C-alpha atoms as a PDB file:
ATOM      1  CA  MET A   1     -50.559 -33.569 -13.280  1.00  0.00           C
ATOM      2  CA  ASN A   2     -49.031 -30.177 -12.575  1.00  0.00           C
ATOM      3  CA  LEU A   3     -49.569 -29.673  -8.907  1.00  0.00           C
ATOM      4  CA  ALA A   4     -47.996 -26.078  -8.961  1.00  0.00           C
ATOM      5  CA  ASP A   5     -51.407 -25.129 -10.613  1.00  0.00           C
ATOM      6  CA  LEU A   6     -53.444 -26.594  -7.784  1.00  0.00           C
ATOM      7  CA  PRO A   7     -55.314 -23.555  -6.023  1.00  0.00           C
ATOM      8  CA  ILE A   8     -54.052 -24.171  -2.559  1.00  0.00           C
ATOM      9  CA  PHE A   9     -50.418 -23.641  -3.913  1.00  0.00           C
ATOM     10  CA  ARG A  10     -51.636 -20.770  -5.795  1.00  0.00           C
ATOM     11  CA  GLY A  11     -52.921 -19.618  -2.418  1.00  0.00           C
ATOM     12  CA  ILE A  12     -49.571 -20.276  -0.429  1.00  0.00           C
ATOM     13  CA  GLN A  13     -47.732 -18.472  -3.172  1.00  0.00           C
ATOM     14  CA  ALA A  14     -49.605 -15.304  -3.092  1.00  0.00           C
ATOM     15  CA  ALA A  15     -50.164 -15.347   0.648  1.00  0.00           C
ATOM     16  CA  GLU A  16     -46.223 -15.323   0.923  1.00  0.00           C
ATOM     17  CA  GLY A  17     -45.906 -12.322  -1.504  1.00  0.00           C
ATOM     18  CA  GLY A  18     -45.290 -14.285  -4.824  1.00  0.00           C
ATOM     19  CA  ASN A  19     -41.636 -15.258  -4.381  1.00  0.00           C
ATOM     20  CA  MET A  20     -42.159 -18.831  -4.410  1.00  0.00           C
ATOM     21  CA  ILE A  21     -41.452 -20.353  -7.823  1.00  0.00           C
ATOM     22  CA  TYR A  22     -42.662 -23.850  -8.138  1.00  0.00           C
ATOM     23  CA  GLY A  23     -41.075 -25.888 -10.772  1.00  0.00           C
ATOM     24  CA  GLN A  24     -41.272 -29.440 -12.241  1.00  0.00           C
ATOM     25  CA  GLY A  25     -38.835 -31.972 -10.903  1.00  0.00           C
ATOM     26  CA  ALA A  26     -40.188 -33.911  -7.846  1.00  0.00           C
ATOM     27  CA  VAL A  27     -42.765 -36.889  -7.461  1.00  0.00           C
ATOM     28  CA  LEU A  28     -44.212 -38.369  -4.475  1.00  0.00           C
ATOM     29  CA  ILE A  29     -43.149 -41.682  -3.161  1.00  0.00           C
ATOM     30  CA  ILE A  30     -46.486 -43.568  -2.009  1.00  0.00           C
ATOM     31  CA  ARG A  31     -46.218 -46.958  -0.041  1.00  0.00           C
ATOM     32  CA  ASP A  32     -49.459 -48.971   0.273  1.00  0.00           C
ATOM     33  CA  GLY A  33     -51.566 -45.693   0.054  1.00  0.00           C
ATOM     34  CA  VAL A  34     -49.663 -43.610   2.483  1.00  0.00           C
ATOM     35  CA  LEU A  35     -47.413 -40.568   1.511  1.00  0.00           C
ATOM     36  CA  ALA A  36     -44.155 -41.696   2.912  1.00  0.00           C
ATOM     37  CA  GLY A  37     -41.742 -39.211   1.004  1.00  0.00           C
ATOM     38  CA  ALA A  38     -40.693 -37.618  -2.063  1.00  0.00           C
ATOM     39  CA  ALA A  39     -37.968 -37.737  -4.672  1.00  0.00           C
ATOM     40  CA  TRP A  40     -36.309 -34.850  -6.256  1.00  0.00           C
ATOM     41  CA  MET A  41     -33.946 -34.048  -9.188  1.00  0.00           C
ATOM     42  CA  GLY A  42     -32.249 -31.180 -10.485  1.00  0.00           C
ATOM     43  CA  GLY A  43     -29.661 -30.174 -13.508  1.00  0.00           C
ATOM     44  CA  GLY A  44     -31.739 -31.664 -16.524  1.00  0.00           C
ATOM     45  CA  THR A  45     -34.684 -30.243 -17.952  1.00  0.00           C
ATOM     46  CA  GLY A  46     -38.138 -30.087 -15.556  1.00  0.00           C
ATOM     47  CA  GLU A  47     -39.010 -33.149 -17.765  1.00  0.00           C
ATOM     48  CA  GLN A  48     -35.491 -35.098 -17.386  1.00  0.00           C
ATOM     49  CA  ASP A  49     -35.473 -34.164 -13.530  1.00  0.00           C
ATOM     50  CA  GLU A  50     -39.254 -35.516 -13.200  1.00  0.00           C
ATOM     51  CA  GLU A  51     -37.950 -38.842 -14.994  1.00  0.00           C
ATOM     52  CA  SER A  52     -35.077 -39.297 -13.326  1.00  0.00           C
ATOM     53  CA  ALA A  53     -37.321 -38.770  -9.906  1.00  0.00           C
ATOM     54  CA  ASN A  54     -39.686 -41.396 -11.214  1.00  0.00           C
ATOM     55  CA  VAL A  55     -36.822 -43.808 -11.435  1.00  0.00           C
ATOM     56  CA  GLY A  56     -35.819 -43.021  -7.908  1.00  0.00           C
ATOM     57  CA  ALA A  57     -38.879 -43.237  -6.344  1.00  0.00           C
ATOM     58  CA  ALA A  58     -39.455 -46.463  -8.458  1.00  0.00           C
ATOM     59  CA  LEU A  59     -36.125 -47.687  -6.814  1.00  0.00           C
ATOM     60  CA  VAL A  60     -37.441 -47.409  -3.495  1.00  0.00           C
ATOM     61  CA  THR A  61     -40.884 -48.712  -3.724  1.00  0.00           C
ATOM     62  CA  GLY A  62     -40.026 -51.473  -5.576  1.00  0.00           C
ATOM     63  CA  GLY A  63     -42.351 -50.665  -8.407  1.00  0.00           C
END
């Protein structure tokens, strides 16, 4: 799911003047159904960054 397409994020982008650019490469870290943080990677394509972030998040959560 591309979170950048959610209406709340589009609204924030519009409210701050359209200067914010959302990109792929981060994932949420959920522990026991609770948001515990996020993992972000950069340097590759969006898909590569997100895949690497998923690996890092899995290491943190034991999943």
